[in-house]
């Protein structure tokens, strides 16, 4: 137990742990941003695809209702 207490008081060790935490948070933020960007790109392309298909569907065709039902995961 004494060794752990001594290690946690070591400035070099504390600095290293702080750096590890920063690297983890940075990687986590980057991964989140990448995931959000990918999803946003997907949603834009989905909207574009739906708009392209919509022209062929007339009022009352239940296009959105059918797509919504068929798209359930």
Protein backbone atom coordinates (compact mmCIF):
# COMPACT_ATOMS: atom_id res chain seq x y z
CA UNK A 1 0.00 0.00 0.00
CA UNK A 2 2.86 2.36 0.76
CA UNK A 3 4.27 1.87 -2.75
CA UNK A 4 0.92 2.90 -4.34
CA UNK A 5 0.76 6.03 -2.19
CA UNK A 6 4.32 6.92 -3.11
CA UNK A 7 3.65 6.36 -6.79
CA UNK A 8 0.56 8.59 -6.77
CA UNK A 9 2.65 11.35 -5.22
CA UNK A 10 5.32 11.08 -7.92
CA UNK A 11 5.12 14.16 -10.20
CA UNK A 12 6.33 12.29 -13.28
CA UNK A 13 3.72 9.57 -12.76
CA UNK A 14 0.91 12.10 -12.21
CA UNK A 15 1.98 13.97 -15.33
CA UNK A 16 1.96 10.73 -17.33
CA UNK A 17 -1.52 9.80 -16.07
CA UNK A 18 -2.77 13.30 -16.94
CA UNK A 19 -1.38 12.88 -20.46
CA UNK A 20 -3.07 9.47 -20.79
CA UNK A 21 -6.39 10.97 -19.74
CA UNK A 22 -6.01 13.79 -22.28
CA UNK A 23 -5.15 11.36 -25.06
CA UNK A 24 -8.17 9.22 -24.17
CA UNK A 25 -10.52 12.21 -24.14
CA UNK A 26 -9.09 13.46 -27.42
CA UNK A 27 -9.54 10.04 -29.07
CA UNK A 28 -13.06 9.79 -27.67
CA UNK A 29 -13.99 13.22 -29.03
CA UNK A 30 -12.49 12.42 -32.43
CA UNK A 31 -14.38 9.13 -32.62
CA UNK A 32 -17.63 10.88 -31.70
CA UNK A 33 -17.08 13.58 -34.31
CA UNK A 34 -16.27 10.97 -36.97
CA UNK A 35 -19.39 8.97 -36.11
CA UNK A 36 -21.56 12.09 -36.20
CA UNK A 37 -20.09 13.17 -39.54
CA UNK A 38 -20.72 9.72 -41.03
CA UNK A 39 -24.32 9.67 -39.82
CA UNK A 40 -24.92 13.19 -41.08
CA UNK A 41 -23.60 12.22 -44.52
CA UNK A 42 -25.88 9.19 -44.49
CA UNK A 43 -28.96 11.23 -43.53
CA UNK A 44 -28.26 13.76 -46.29
CA UNK A 45 -27.94 10.98 -48.88
CA UNK A 46 -31.09 9.31 -47.53
CA UNK A 47 -33.01 12.57 -47.89
CA UNK A 48 -31.67 13.02 -51.42
CA UNK A 49 -32.68 9.45 -52.35
CA UNK A 50 -36.16 9.90 -50.91
CA UNK A 51 -36.61 13.19 -52.77
CA UNK A 52 -35.52 11.49 -56.02
CA UNK A 53 -38.01 8.64 -55.54
CA UNK A 54 -40.84 10.87 -54.39
CA UNK A 55 -41.54 12.23 -57.87
CA UNK A 56 -42.84 8.85 -58.99
CA UNK A 57 -45.26 8.56 -56.09
CA UNK A 58 -48.62 10.22 -56.31
CA UNK A 59 -50.79 11.53 -53.53
CA UNK A 60 -52.33 8.65 -51.62
CA UNK A 61 -49.65 6.13 -52.56
CA UNK A 62 -48.60 5.90 -48.91
CA UNK A 63 -44.99 6.20 -50.01
CA UNK A 64 -43.73 7.52 -46.67
CA UNK A 65 -45.83 5.13 -44.62
CA UNK A 66 -44.63 2.14 -46.62
CA UNK A 67 -41.00 3.29 -46.56
CA UNK A 68 -41.18 3.89 -42.83
CA UNK A 69 -42.58 0.42 -42.23
CA UNK A 70 -40.14 -1.31 -44.59
CA UNK A 71 -37.20 0.59 -43.15
CA UNK A 72 -37.63 -0.67 -39.57
CA UNK A 73 -34.52 -2.39 -38.35
